[in-house]
Amino acid sequence: MVRSLPPPESHTVGRIGWLRAAVLGANDGIVSTGSLVVGIAASGSDRTAVLLAGVASLVAGAMSMAAGEYVSVSSQSDSERANLAVERQELVEQPGFEREELAAIYVGRGLTHDLALQVADQLMAKDALAAHARDELGISDLTTARPLQAAAASAATFSVGAAAPLLAVLLAPASLLIALVVATSLACLAILGALGARAGSAPPWRAVLRVTFWGALAMALTAGIGRLAGAAV
């Protein structure tokens, strides 16, 4: 009787690149824009000034996040390419040393030296550079840097996150503007934390507590500064 193979497992490590940028962008959009409009409102400014400041924060923040992610991830990508170029040259000039180096990695993981050499030989026969990139440098298709993807995800999610407190500014009565912006921002942060944890197969409660705590702290500090500035003026 032939036993059927179990279904392939589903892992989320392939989402790391865009998930990190998306969660960071949305979180920053909610916290920075929510904090800014709360601070402006606490200073005594009218709804128009608060909304204008919020829109400016959305546009500037989205562009800043995109540029920052692109530059940061591009630096990682440049480093990966440079290391792969060095490894490619070493495979040409010192194939024996590279074989032993790869085998030593497998010995460190628990294989005998003879078996490690066999594994190294078979993997290098198929794709020597890929084997060394994965096992020596820690570079794989799942985790390799993707600058454009990270920049687009960060800018888009920042804009979506920033739109939530701005919508609260538009809809809230003047007397409840600060309270509703804070409540909306914290609710969105909690949802974001839960969704990010779910996408990464992590426990949601820890992520929810983490993002709401720091979001509440940021808005409280900004509101306090805004109130002091308004009183001084």
C-alpha atoms as a PDB file:
ATOM      1  CA  MET A   1       0.000   0.000   0.000  1.00  0.00           C
ATOM      2  CA  VAL A   2       1.429   3.355  -1.049  1.00  0.00           C
ATOM      3  CA  ARG A   3       1.217   6.003   1.633  1.00  0.00           C
ATOM      4  CA  SER A   4       0.218   9.435   0.468  1.00  0.00           C
ATOM      5  CA  LEU A   5       2.460  12.331   1.360  1.00  0.00           C
ATOM      6  CA  PRO A   6       1.151  14.841   3.892  1.00  0.00           C
ATOM      7  CA  PRO A   7      -0.013  18.178   2.468  1.00  0.00           C
ATOM      8  CA  PRO A   8       2.706  20.843   2.296  1.00  0.00           C
ATOM      9  CA  GLU A   9       2.913  23.077   5.343  1.00  0.00           C
ATOM     10  CA  SER A  10       1.998  26.725   5.017  1.00  0.00           C
ATOM     11  CA  HIS A  11       4.601  29.151   6.336  1.00  0.00           C
ATOM     12  CA  THR A  12       4.523  32.932   6.515  1.00  0.00           C
ATOM     13  CA  VAL A  13       8.248  33.679   6.327  1.00  0.00           C
ATOM     14  CA  GLY A  14       7.841  34.691   2.670  1.00  0.00           C
ATOM     15  CA  ARG A  15       5.730  37.631   3.817  1.00  0.00           C
ATOM     16  CA  ILE A  16       8.452  39.133   5.980  1.00  0.00           C
ATOM     17  CA  GLY A  17       9.640  41.735   3.449  1.00  0.00           C
ATOM     18  CA  TRP A  18       6.319  43.361   2.629  1.00  0.00           C
ATOM     19  CA  LEU A  19       4.642  42.609   5.968  1.00  0.00           C
ATOM     20  CA  ARG A  20       7.256  44.517   7.968  1.00  0.00           C
ATOM     21  CA  ALA A  21       7.004  47.550   5.674  1.00  0.00           C
ATOM     22  CA  ALA A  22       3.191  47.421   5.588  1.00  0.00           C
ATOM     23  CA  VAL A  23       2.766  47.190   9.359  1.00  0.00           C
ATOM     24  CA  LEU A  24       5.364  49.910   9.946  1.00  0.00           C
ATOM     25  CA  GLY A  25       3.717  52.190   7.376  1.00  0.00           C
ATOM     26  CA  ALA A  26       0.171  51.785   8.696  1.00  0.00           C
ATOM     27  CA  ASN A  27       1.269  52.111  12.324  1.00  0.00           C
ATOM     28  CA  ASP A  28       3.263  55.245  11.595  1.00  0.00           C
ATOM     29  CA  GLY A  29       0.397  56.715   9.581  1.00  0.00           C
ATOM     30  CA  ILE A  30      -2.076  56.267  12.430  1.00  0.00           C
ATOM     31  CA  VAL A  31       0.253  57.321  15.243  1.00  0.00           C
ATOM     32  CA  SER A  32       1.973  60.289  13.607  1.00  0.00           C
ATOM     33  CA  THR A  33      -1.133  61.764  11.980  1.00  0.00           C
ATOM     34  CA  GLY A  34      -3.390  61.003  14.942  1.00  0.00           C
ATOM     35  CA  SER A  35      -0.873  62.521  17.356  1.00  0.00           C
ATOM     36  CA  LEU A  36      -0.393  65.586  15.167  1.00  0.00           C
ATOM     37  CA  VAL A  37      -4.083  66.394  14.804  1.00  0.00           C
ATOM     38  CA  VAL A  38      -4.671  65.792  18.529  1.00  0.00           C
ATOM     39  CA  GLY A  39      -1.824  68.161  19.373  1.00  0.00           C
ATOM     40  CA  ILE A  40      -3.068  70.839  16.960  1.00  0.00           C
ATOM     41  CA  ALA A  41      -6.631  70.476  18.247  1.00  0.00           C
ATOM     42  CA  ALA A  42      -5.470  70.643  21.879  1.00  0.00           C
ATOM     43  CA  SER A  43      -3.739  73.958  21.147  1.00  0.00           C
ATOM     44  CA  GLY A  44      -7.138  75.477  20.357  1.00  0.00           C
ATOM     45  CA  SER A  45      -6.897  75.533  16.551  1.00  0.00           C
ATOM     46  CA  ASP A  46     -10.095  75.253  14.539  1.00  0.00           C
ATOM     47  CA  ARG A  47     -11.150  72.223  12.474  1.00  0.00           C
ATOM     48  CA  THR A  48      -9.794  73.669   9.216  1.00  0.00           C
ATOM     49  CA  ALA A  49      -6.304  74.126  10.650  1.00  0.00           C
ATOM     50  CA  VAL A  50      -6.393  70.656  12.197  1.00  0.00           C
ATOM     51  CA  LEU A  51      -7.515  69.067   8.921  1.00  0.00           C
ATOM     52  CA  LEU A  52      -4.913  70.963   6.877  1.00  0.00           C
ATOM     53  CA  ALA A  53      -2.158  69.856   9.222  1.00  0.00           C
ATOM     54  CA  GLY A  54      -3.399  66.267   9.014  1.00  0.00           C
ATOM     55  CA  VAL A  55      -3.469  66.242   5.204  1.00  0.00           C
ATOM     56  CA  ALA A  56       0.039  67.706   5.081  1.00  0.00           C
ATOM     57  CA  SER A  57       1.158  64.989   7.498  1.00  0.00           C
ATOM     58  CA  LEU A  58      -0.368  62.292   5.293  1.00  0.00           C
ATOM     59  CA  VAL A  59       1.334  63.476   2.089  1.00  0.00           C
ATOM     60  CA  ALA A  60       4.717  64.217   3.655  1.00  0.00           C
ATOM     61  CA  GLY A  61       4.673  61.067   5.751  1.00  0.00           C
ATOM     62  CA  ALA A  62       3.793  58.778   2.860  1.00  0.00           C
ATOM     63  CA  MET A  63       6.611  60.167   0.730  1.00  0.00           C
ATOM     64  CA  SER A  64       9.043  60.006   3.639  1.00  0.00           C
ATOM     65  CA  MET A  65       8.137  56.392   4.397  1.00  0.00           C
ATOM     66  CA  ALA A  66       8.489  55.391   0.744  1.00  0.00           C
ATOM     67  CA  ALA A  67      11.858  57.106   0.375  1.00  0.00           C
ATOM     68  CA  GLY A  68      13.133  55.772   3.688  1.00  0.00           C
ATOM     69  CA  GLU A  69      12.105  52.190   2.960  1.00  0.00           C
ATOM     70  CA  TYR A  70      13.541  52.333  -0.556  1.00  0.00           C
ATOM     71  CA  VAL A  71      16.901  53.688   0.598  1.00  0.00           C
ATOM     72  CA  SER A  72      17.105  51.296   3.547  1.00  0.00           C
ATOM     73  CA  VAL A  73      16.133  48.158   1.647  1.00  0.00           C
ATOM     74  CA  SER A  74      18.263  49.198  -1.347  1.00  0.00           C
ATOM     75  CA  SER A  75      21.270  49.316   0.980  1.00  0.00           C
ATOM     76  CA  GLN A  76      20.445  45.774   2.100  1.00  0.00           C
ATOM     77  CA  SER A  77      20.073  44.707  -1.532  1.00  0.00           C
ATOM     78  CA  ASP A  78      23.429  46.285  -2.444  1.00  0.00           C
ATOM     79  CA  SER A  79      25.080  44.417   0.418  1.00  0.00           C
ATOM     80  CA  GLU A  80      23.529  41.123  -0.706  1.00  0.00           C
ATOM     81  CA  ARG A  81      24.733  41.621  -4.283  1.00  0.00           C
ATOM     82  CA  ALA A  82      28.247  42.523  -3.112  1.00  0.00           C
ATOM     83  CA  ASN A  83      28.457  39.426  -0.926  1.00  0.00           C
ATOM     84  CA  LEU A  84      27.151  37.219  -3.733  1.00  0.00           C
ATOM     85  CA  ALA A  85      29.773  38.655  -6.092  1.00  0.00           C
ATOM     86  CA  VAL A  86      32.524  37.787  -3.619  1.00  0.00           C
ATOM     87  CA  GLU A  87      31.110  34.293  -3.153  1.00  0.00           C
ATOM     88  CA  ARG A  88      30.861  33.758  -6.917  1.00  0.00           C
ATOM     89  CA  GLN A  89      34.515  34.724  -7.336  1.00  0.00           C
ATOM     90  CA  GLU A  90      35.615  32.435  -4.499  1.00  0.00           C
ATOM     91  CA  LEU A  91      33.749  29.518  -6.067  1.00  0.00           C
ATOM     92  CA  VAL A  92      35.781  30.039  -9.242  1.00  0.00           C
ATOM     93  CA  GLU A  93      39.133  30.532  -7.518  1.00  0.00           C
ATOM     94  CA  GLN A  94      38.838  28.192  -4.497  1.00  0.00           C
ATOM     95  CA  PRO A  95      36.208  25.523  -5.176  1.00  0.00           C
ATOM     96  CA  GLY A  96      37.842  23.037  -2.795  1.00  0.00           C
ATOM     97  CA  PHE A  97      37.912  25.479   0.085  1.00  0.00           C
ATOM     98  CA  GLU A  98      34.302  26.471  -0.566  1.00  0.00           C
ATOM     99  CA  ARG A  99      33.294  22.794  -0.547  1.00  0.00           C
ATOM    100  CA  GLU A 100      34.930  22.279   2.827  1.00  0.00           C
ATOM    101  CA  GLU A 101      33.423  25.505   4.134  1.00  0.00           C
ATOM    102  CA  LEU A 102      29.928  24.403   3.162  1.00  0.00           C
ATOM    103  CA  ALA A 103      30.486  20.945   4.630  1.00  0.00           C
ATOM    104  CA  ALA A 104      31.667  22.512   7.901  1.00  0.00           C
ATOM    105  CA  ILE A 105      28.340  24.321   8.163  1.00  0.00           C
ATOM    106  CA  TYR A 106      26.469  21.017   7.890  1.00  0.00           C
ATOM    107  CA  VAL A 107      28.801  19.390  10.412  1.00  0.00           C
ATOM    108  CA  GLY A 108      27.902  22.211  12.780  1.00  0.00           C
ATOM    109  CA  ARG A 109      24.244  21.309  12.286  1.00  0.00           C
ATOM    110  CA  GLY A 110      24.817  17.700  13.269  1.00  0.00           C
ATOM    111  CA  LEU A 111      25.949  15.744  10.194  1.00  0.00           C
ATOM    112  CA  THR A 112      29.058  13.612  10.111  1.00  0.00           C
ATOM    113  CA  HIS A 113      31.919  14.988   8.070  1.00  0.00           C
ATOM    114  CA  ASP A 114      31.592  12.353   5.320  1.00  0.00           C
ATOM    115  CA  LEU A 115      27.847  12.898   4.996  1.00  0.00           C
ATOM    116  CA  ALA A 116      28.316  16.667   5.087  1.00  0.00           C
ATOM    117  CA  LEU A 117      30.754  16.424   2.172  1.00  0.00           C
ATOM    118  CA  GLN A 118      28.241  14.350   0.201  1.00  0.00           C
ATOM    119  CA  VAL A 119      25.507  16.903   0.843  1.00  0.00           C
ATOM    120  CA  ALA A 120      27.817  19.763  -0.116  1.00  0.00           C
ATOM    121  CA  ASP A 121      28.836  17.974  -3.324  1.00  0.00           C
ATOM    122  CA  GLN A 122      25.245  17.344  -4.385  1.00  0.00           C
ATOM    123  CA  LEU A 123      24.049  20.855  -3.604  1.00  0.00           C
ATOM    124  CA  MET A 124      27.037  22.469  -5.316  1.00  0.00           C
ATOM    125  CA  ALA A 125      26.559  20.265  -8.357  1.00  0.00           C
ATOM    126  CA  LYS A 126      23.042  21.645  -8.746  1.00  0.00           C
ATOM    127  CA  ASP A 127      23.676  25.324  -7.909  1.00  0.00           C
ATOM    128  CA  ALA A 128      26.825  26.118  -5.940  1.00  0.00           C
ATOM    129  CA  LEU A 129      26.116  29.833  -5.563  1.00  0.00           C
ATOM    130  CA  ALA A 130      22.562  29.254  -4.319  1.00  0.00           C
ATOM    131  CA  ALA A 131      23.791  26.709  -1.779  1.00  0.00           C
ATOM    132  CA  HIS A 132      26.411  29.087  -0.376  1.00  0.00           C
ATOM    133  CA  ALA A 133      24.051  32.061  -0.489  1.00  0.00           C
ATOM    134  CA  ARG A 134      21.442  30.187   1.522  1.00  0.00           C
ATOM    135  CA  ASP A 135      23.592  28.323   4.033  1.00  0.00           C
ATOM    136  CA  GLU A 136      26.665  30.548   4.375  1.00  0.00           C
ATOM    137  CA  LEU A 137      25.240  34.041   3.799  1.00  0.00           C
ATOM    138  CA  GLY A 138      21.623  33.500   4.871  1.00  0.00           C
ATOM    139  CA  ILE A 139      20.226  34.866   1.595  1.00  0.00           C
ATOM    140  CA  SER A 140      17.232  33.162  -0.002  1.00  0.00           C
ATOM    141  CA  ASP A 141      14.403  33.988  -2.388  1.00  0.00           C
ATOM    142  CA  LEU A 142      12.002  34.217   0.568  1.00  0.00           C
ATOM    143  CA  THR A 143      13.913  36.862   2.502  1.00  0.00           C
ATOM    144  CA  THR A 144      15.870  38.733  -0.179  1.00  0.00           C
ATOM    145  CA  ALA A 145      15.559  42.519  -0.200  1.00  0.00           C
ATOM    146  CA  ARG A 146      12.914  44.024  -2.530  1.00  0.00           C
ATOM    147  CA  PRO A 147      13.228  47.836  -2.367  1.00  0.00           C
ATOM    148  CA  LEU A 148      10.329  48.795  -4.653  1.00  0.00           C
ATOM    149  CA  GLN A 149       7.941  46.376  -2.960  1.00  0.00           C
ATOM    150  CA  ALA A 150       8.864  47.676   0.487  1.00  0.00           C
ATOM    151  CA  ALA A 151       8.565  51.336  -0.593  1.00  0.00           C
ATOM    152  CA  ALA A 152       5.160  50.857  -2.233  1.00  0.00           C
ATOM    153  CA  ALA A 153       3.773  48.857   0.686  1.00  0.00           C
ATOM    154  CA  SER A 154       5.017  51.398   3.217  1.00  0.00           C
ATOM    155  CA  ALA A 155       3.662  54.455   1.373  1.00  0.00           C
ATOM    156  CA  ALA A 156       0.283  52.888   0.644  1.00  0.00           C
ATOM    157  CA  THR A 157      -0.300  51.620   4.163  1.00  0.00           C
ATOM    158  CA  PHE A 158       0.880  54.896   5.702  1.00  0.00           C
ATOM    159  CA  SER A 159      -1.754  56.710   3.648  1.00  0.00           C
ATOM    160  CA  VAL A 160      -4.462  54.260   4.686  1.00  0.00           C
ATOM    161  CA  GLY A 161      -3.458  54.531   8.329  1.00  0.00           C
ATOM    162  CA  ALA A 162      -3.319  58.335   8.253  1.00  0.00           C
ATOM    163  CA  ALA A 163      -6.749  58.519   6.637  1.00  0.00           C
ATOM    164  CA  ALA A 164      -8.432  57.071   9.765  1.00  0.00           C
ATOM    165  CA  PRO A 165      -7.790  60.015  12.155  1.00  0.00           C
ATOM    166  CA  LEU A 166      -8.482  62.469   9.319  1.00  0.00           C
ATOM    167  CA  LEU A 167     -11.883  60.893   8.768  1.00  0.00           C
ATOM    168  CA  ALA A 168     -12.583  61.293  12.482  1.00  0.00           C
ATOM    169  CA  VAL A 169     -11.659  64.987  12.212  1.00  0.00           C
ATOM    170  CA  LEU A 170     -14.147  65.427   9.376  1.00  0.00           C
ATOM    171  CA  LEU A 171     -17.036  63.645  11.089  1.00  0.00           C
ATOM    172  CA  ALA A 172     -16.615  64.491  14.777  1.00  0.00           C
ATOM    173  CA  PRO A 173     -18.429  67.410  16.406  1.00  0.00           C
ATOM    174  CA  ALA A 174     -16.038  70.086  17.608  1.00  0.00           C
ATOM    175  CA  SER A 175     -16.619  69.296  21.280  1.00  0.00           C
ATOM    176  CA  LEU A 176     -15.686  65.625  20.802  1.00  0.00           C
ATOM    177  CA  LEU A 177     -13.000  65.989  18.143  1.00  0.00           C
ATOM    178  CA  ILE A 178     -10.004  65.057  20.305  1.00  0.00           C
ATOM    179  CA  ALA A 179     -11.792  62.176  22.036  1.00  0.00           C
ATOM    180  CA  LEU A 180     -13.018  60.653  18.771  1.00  0.00           C
ATOM    181  CA  VAL A 181      -9.660  61.024  17.035  1.00  0.00           C
ATOM    182  CA  VAL A 182      -7.970  59.260  19.948  1.00  0.00           C
ATOM    183  CA  ALA A 183     -10.612  56.518  20.079  1.00  0.00           C
ATOM    184  CA  THR A 184     -10.516  55.998  16.306  1.00  0.00           C
ATOM    185  CA  SER A 185      -6.725  55.897  16.234  1.00  0.00           C
ATOM    186  CA  LEU A 186      -6.473  53.414  19.097  1.00  0.00           C
ATOM    187  CA  ALA A 187      -9.160  51.184  17.588  1.00  0.00           C
ATOM    188  CA  CYS A 188      -7.350  51.175  14.243  1.00  0.00           C
ATOM    189  CA  LEU A 189      -4.042  50.410  15.966  1.00  0.00           C
ATOM    190  CA  ALA A 190      -5.626  47.468  17.768  1.00  0.00           C
ATOM    191  CA  ILE A 191      -7.056  46.133  14.497  1.00  0.00           C
ATOM    192  CA  LEU A 192      -3.692  46.643  12.783  1.00  0.00           C
ATOM    193  CA  GLY A 193      -1.863  44.793  15.541  1.00  0.00           C
ATOM    194  CA  ALA A 194      -4.274  41.873  15.337  1.00  0.00           C
ATOM    195  CA  LEU A 195      -4.130  41.690  11.517  1.00  0.00           C
ATOM    196  CA  GLY A 196      -0.336  41.936  11.452  1.00  0.00           C
ATOM    197  CA  ALA A 197      -0.025  39.174  14.031  1.00  0.00           C
ATOM    198  CA  ARG A 198      -2.475  36.996  12.145  1.00  0.00           C
ATOM    199  CA  ALA A 199      -0.637  37.511   8.844  1.00  0.00           C
ATOM    200  CA  GLY A 200       2.593  36.501  10.557  1.00  0.00           C
ATOM    201  CA  SER A 201       0.995  33.602  12.492  1.00  0.00           C
ATOM    202  CA  ALA A 202       1.864  35.234  15.829  1.00  0.00           C
ATOM    203  CA  PRO A 203      -0.268  35.640  18.994  1.00  0.00           C
ATOM    204  CA  PRO A 204      -2.496  38.721  18.443  1.00  0.00           C
ATOM    205  CA  TRP A 205      -2.890  39.974  22.016  1.00  0.00           C
ATOM    206  CA  ARG A 206       0.769  40.894  22.417  1.00  0.00           C
ATOM    207  CA  ALA A 207       0.816  42.888  19.179  1.00  0.00           C
ATOM    208  CA  VAL A 208      -2.441  44.649  20.093  1.00  0.00           C
ATOM    209  CA  LEU A 209      -1.138  45.708  23.513  1.00  0.00           C
ATOM    210  CA  ARG A 210       2.171  46.834  22.044  1.00  0.00           C
ATOM    211  CA  VAL A 211       0.785  49.115  19.335  1.00  0.00           C
ATOM    212  CA  THR A 212      -2.033  50.602  21.414  1.00  0.00           C
ATOM    213  CA  PHE A 213       0.268  51.401  24.349  1.00  0.00           C
ATOM    214  CA  TRP A 214       2.778  53.302  22.235  1.00  0.00           C
ATOM    215  CA  GLY A 215       0.042  54.976  20.226  1.00  0.00           C
ATOM    216  CA  ALA A 216      -1.737  56.176  23.360  1.00  0.00           C
ATOM    217  CA  LEU A 217       1.537  57.435  24.833  1.00  0.00           C
ATOM    218  CA  ALA A 218       2.398  59.376  21.664  1.00  0.00           C
ATOM    219  CA  MET A 219      -1.018  61.040  21.509  1.00  0.00           C
ATOM    220  CA  ALA A 220      -1.006  61.881  25.212  1.00  0.00           C
ATOM    221  CA  LEU A 221       2.398  63.547  25.005  1.00  0.00           C
ATOM    222  CA  THR A 222       1.478  65.470  21.850  1.00  0.00           C
ATOM    223  CA  ALA A 223      -1.822  66.611  23.330  1.00  0.00           C
ATOM    224  CA  GLY A 224      -0.010  67.853  26.418  1.00  0.00           C
ATOM    225  CA  ILE A 225       2.505  69.816  24.359  1.00  0.00           C
ATOM    226  CA  GLY A 226      -0.279  71.223  22.191  1.00  0.00           C
ATOM    227  CA  ARG A 227      -2.255  72.360  25.224  1.00  0.00           C
ATOM    228  CA  LEU A 228       0.812  74.039  26.738  1.00  0.00           C
ATOM    229  CA  ALA A 229       1.634  75.753  23.445  1.00  0.00           C
ATOM    230  CA  GLY A 230      -1.946  76.948  23.056  1.00  0.00           C
ATOM    231  CA  ALA A 231      -1.975  78.346  26.594  1.00  0.00           C
ATOM    232  CA  ALA A 232       1.341  80.134  26.003  1.00  0.00           C
ATOM    233  CA  VAL A 233       0.066  81.755  22.830  1.00  0.00           C
END
